[in-house]
Structures are given as C-alpha cells and as structure tokens.
Amino acid sequence: MNIVVRKEEAKDYRRTEEVAREAFWNLYFPGAAEHYVVHKMRSHPDFIQELAFVIEVDGTVEGAIFYTHSKVVTPDGEFPTISFGPVLISPNITVRDWVES
C-alpha cells in the first residue's frame, strides 16, 4: 500500500467531499453535513488553503484534514488561534491497512 500526504488541489475537491460524506454518514445523526461544511469552508476567509491536506492511498484520496483561523475570546481580550477539522478517513480504510503498509 502506497500512502502519500500532500496539499489538497482543486482536482481533489469532489473526491474529498465524497470521502467526508462517507466518513460521517449516520455517525452522529441520520445523514451527514460534513461534506457540505468542507465545500463551504474552502471559500471562507478564515480557511487556510496552505494547510489543507489529503491522504492518498494507492493514488486515490481516502482522507483529509483542514485548518482555519480562529480565536479564543476571554474577558482579557481575543487571542488568535488555528483550529483543525474536519479530519476524515474513508470508512473503507482500516487500521490494519495502515499498519500493514
């Protein structure tokens, strides 16, 4: 098994959203919305394109992680941070797949 982590490219968008839908389908509630979150997040000003990564397994996108600018608000002020998510792995990939590669 050949595993590659690389920056997400526009050609990956559809597959990444498909994997997001599959990964979260019926996980927390019926259906899933994470694929739509990924789709909308890319056009948000807080999205960090340079930190959008996909995981290719044997040439097919099977996972991804995304980062956005965020902040912590306290009585003392606002503190800039970076948040990650969603993090997704295709349900077709098992731990055994990773260990044996």
C-alpha atoms as a PDB file:
ATOM      1  CA  MET A   1       0.000   0.000   0.000  1.00  0.00           C
ATOM      2  CA  ASN A   2       1.378   3.385  -1.065  1.00  0.00           C
ATOM      3  CA  ILE A   3       0.353   6.276   1.242  1.00  0.00           C
ATOM      4  CA  VAL A   4       1.053   9.913   0.353  1.00  0.00           C
ATOM      5  CA  VAL A   5       0.104  13.042   2.317  1.00  0.00           C
ATOM      6  CA  ARG A   6       0.025  16.156   0.161  1.00  0.00           C
ATOM      7  CA  LYS A   7      -1.682  19.529  -0.198  1.00  0.00           C
ATOM      8  CA  GLU A   8      -5.232  19.417  -1.490  1.00  0.00           C
ATOM      9  CA  GLU A   9      -5.676  20.573  -5.083  1.00  0.00           C
ATOM     10  CA  ALA A  10      -8.830  21.700  -6.897  1.00  0.00           C
ATOM     11  CA  LYS A  11      -8.923  18.356  -8.718  1.00  0.00           C
ATOM     12  CA  ASP A  12      -9.400  16.667  -5.298  1.00  0.00           C
ATOM     13  CA  TYR A  13     -12.446  18.654  -4.163  1.00  0.00           C
ATOM     14  CA  ARG A  14     -15.175  16.293  -5.326  1.00  0.00           C
ATOM     15  CA  ARG A  15     -13.442  13.156  -4.046  1.00  0.00           C
ATOM     16  CA  THR A  16     -12.598  14.812  -0.722  1.00  0.00           C
ATOM     17  CA  GLU A  17     -16.248  15.778  -0.229  1.00  0.00           C
ATOM     18  CA  GLU A  18     -17.351  12.248  -1.143  1.00  0.00           C
ATOM     19  CA  VAL A  19     -14.991  10.791   1.469  1.00  0.00           C
ATOM     20  CA  ALA A  20     -16.251  13.325   4.034  1.00  0.00           C
ATOM     21  CA  ARG A  21     -19.830  12.257   3.391  1.00  0.00           C
ATOM     22  CA  GLU A  22     -18.934   8.556   3.616  1.00  0.00           C
ATOM     23  CA  ALA A  23     -16.842   9.022   6.761  1.00  0.00           C
ATOM     24  CA  PHE A  24     -19.566  10.853   8.692  1.00  0.00           C
ATOM     25  CA  TRP A  25     -22.676   9.205   7.229  1.00  0.00           C
ATOM     26  CA  ASN A  26     -25.092   8.361  10.076  1.00  0.00           C
ATOM     27  CA  LEU A  27     -22.278   8.802  12.632  1.00  0.00           C
ATOM     28  CA  TYR A  28     -23.844  11.457  14.887  1.00  0.00           C
ATOM     29  CA  PHE A  29     -27.298  11.803  13.317  1.00  0.00           C
ATOM     30  CA  PRO A  30     -29.066  10.453  10.227  1.00  0.00           C
ATOM     31  CA  GLY A  31     -27.231  11.535   7.086  1.00  0.00           C
ATOM     32  CA  ALA A  32     -24.218  13.847   7.159  1.00  0.00           C
ATOM     33  CA  ALA A  33     -23.370  17.511   6.674  1.00  0.00           C
ATOM     34  CA  GLU A  34     -19.574  17.482   6.909  1.00  0.00           C
ATOM     35  CA  HIS A  35     -19.121  17.223   3.143  1.00  0.00           C
ATOM     36  CA  TYR A  36     -21.065  20.463   2.778  1.00  0.00           C
ATOM     37  CA  VAL A  37     -19.006  22.066   5.552  1.00  0.00           C
ATOM     38  CA  VAL A  38     -15.832  21.186   3.640  1.00  0.00           C
ATOM     39  CA  HIS A  39     -17.318  22.592   0.437  1.00  0.00           C
ATOM     40  CA  LYS A  40     -18.343  25.911   2.040  1.00  0.00           C
ATOM     41  CA  MET A  41     -15.235  26.203   4.228  1.00  0.00           C
ATOM     42  CA  ARG A  42     -12.909  26.489   1.219  1.00  0.00           C
ATOM     43  CA  SER A  43     -14.415  29.867   0.280  1.00  0.00           C
ATOM     44  CA  HIS A  44     -14.423  31.291   3.814  1.00  0.00           C
ATOM     45  CA  PRO A  45     -11.819  33.979   4.594  1.00  0.00           C
ATOM     46  CA  ASP A  46     -10.633  32.039   7.667  1.00  0.00           C
ATOM     47  CA  PHE A  47      -9.800  28.932   5.626  1.00  0.00           C
ATOM     48  CA  ILE A  48      -6.053  28.252   5.391  1.00  0.00           C
ATOM     49  CA  GLN A  49      -5.515  26.749   1.935  1.00  0.00           C
ATOM     50  CA  GLU A  50      -1.830  26.112   2.644  1.00  0.00           C
ATOM     51  CA  LEU A  51      -2.871  23.745   5.456  1.00  0.00           C
ATOM     52  CA  ALA A  52      -5.445  21.701   3.532  1.00  0.00           C
ATOM     53  CA  PHE A  53      -4.052  18.194   3.165  1.00  0.00           C
ATOM     54  CA  VAL A  54      -5.298  14.970   1.622  1.00  0.00           C
ATOM     55  CA  ILE A  55      -4.176  11.403   2.165  1.00  0.00           C
ATOM     56  CA  GLU A  56      -3.799   9.351  -0.981  1.00  0.00           C
ATOM     57  CA  VAL A  57      -3.834   5.583  -0.703  1.00  0.00           C
ATOM     58  CA  ASP A  58      -2.633   3.885  -3.857  1.00  0.00           C
ATOM     59  CA  GLY A  59      -3.384   7.059  -5.840  1.00  0.00           C
ATOM     60  CA  THR A  60      -6.914   7.649  -4.504  1.00  0.00           C
ATOM     61  CA  VAL A  61      -7.850  10.336  -1.964  1.00  0.00           C
ATOM     62  CA  GLU A  62      -9.014   8.479   1.161  1.00  0.00           C
ATOM     63  CA  GLY A  63      -8.673  11.158   3.844  1.00  0.00           C
ATOM     64  CA  ALA A  64      -8.135  14.822   4.577  1.00  0.00           C
ATOM     65  CA  ILE A  65      -7.571  17.445   7.253  1.00  0.00           C
ATOM     66  CA  PHE A  66      -8.349  21.158   7.121  1.00  0.00           C
ATOM     67  CA  TYR A  67      -7.317  24.190   9.192  1.00  0.00           C
ATOM     68  CA  THR A  68      -8.940  27.570   9.779  1.00  0.00           C
ATOM     69  CA  HIS A  69      -8.079  30.746  11.624  1.00  0.00           C
ATOM     70  CA  SER A  70      -9.985  31.031  14.879  1.00  0.00           C
ATOM     71  CA  LYS A  71      -9.782  32.898  18.162  1.00  0.00           C
ATOM     72  CA  VAL A  72     -10.265  32.422  21.873  1.00  0.00           C
ATOM     73  CA  VAL A  73     -12.304  35.194  23.472  1.00  0.00           C
ATOM     74  CA  THR A  74     -11.789  35.903  27.165  1.00  0.00           C
ATOM     75  CA  PRO A  75     -12.580  38.850  29.434  1.00  0.00           C
ATOM     76  CA  ASP A  76      -8.964  39.918  28.821  1.00  0.00           C
ATOM     77  CA  GLY A  77      -9.309  40.037  25.051  1.00  0.00           C
ATOM     78  CA  GLU A  78      -9.158  37.946  21.919  1.00  0.00           C
ATOM     79  CA  PHE A  79      -6.288  35.574  21.169  1.00  0.00           C
ATOM     80  CA  PRO A  80      -5.738  34.316  17.619  1.00  0.00           C
ATOM     81  CA  THR A  81      -5.521  30.556  17.176  1.00  0.00           C
ATOM     82  CA  ILE A  82      -5.712  27.943  14.452  1.00  0.00           C
ATOM     83  CA  SER A  83      -8.318  25.172  14.557  1.00  0.00           C
ATOM     84  CA  PHE A  84      -8.363  21.925  12.629  1.00  0.00           C
ATOM     85  CA  GLY A  85     -11.219  19.901  11.304  1.00  0.00           C
ATOM     86  CA  PRO A  86     -12.930  18.176   9.961  1.00  0.00           C
ATOM     87  CA  VAL A  87     -10.489  15.297   9.914  1.00  0.00           C
ATOM     88  CA  LEU A  88     -11.724  12.439   7.790  1.00  0.00           C
ATOM     89  CA  ILE A  89     -10.681   8.964   6.739  1.00  0.00           C
ATOM     90  CA  SER A  90     -12.644   6.779   4.371  1.00  0.00           C
ATOM     91  CA  PRO A  91     -14.552   4.030   6.214  1.00  0.00           C
ATOM     92  CA  ASN A  92     -13.070   1.657   3.608  1.00  0.00           C
ATOM     93  CA  ILE A  93      -9.613   2.112   5.165  1.00  0.00           C
ATOM     94  CA  THR A  94      -8.935   0.077   8.299  1.00  0.00           C
ATOM     95  CA  VAL A  95      -6.251   0.291  10.964  1.00  0.00           C
ATOM     96  CA  ARG A  96      -4.873  -2.973   9.632  1.00  0.00           C
ATOM     97  CA  ASP A  97      -4.415  -1.284   6.225  1.00  0.00           C
ATOM     98  CA  TRP A  98      -2.234   1.409   7.828  1.00  0.00           C
ATOM     99  CA  VAL A  99      -0.204  -0.973   9.977  1.00  0.00           C
ATOM    100  CA  GLU A 100       0.487  -3.437   7.195  1.00  0.00           C
ATOM    101  CA  SER A 101       1.662  -0.817   4.720  1.00  0.00           C
END
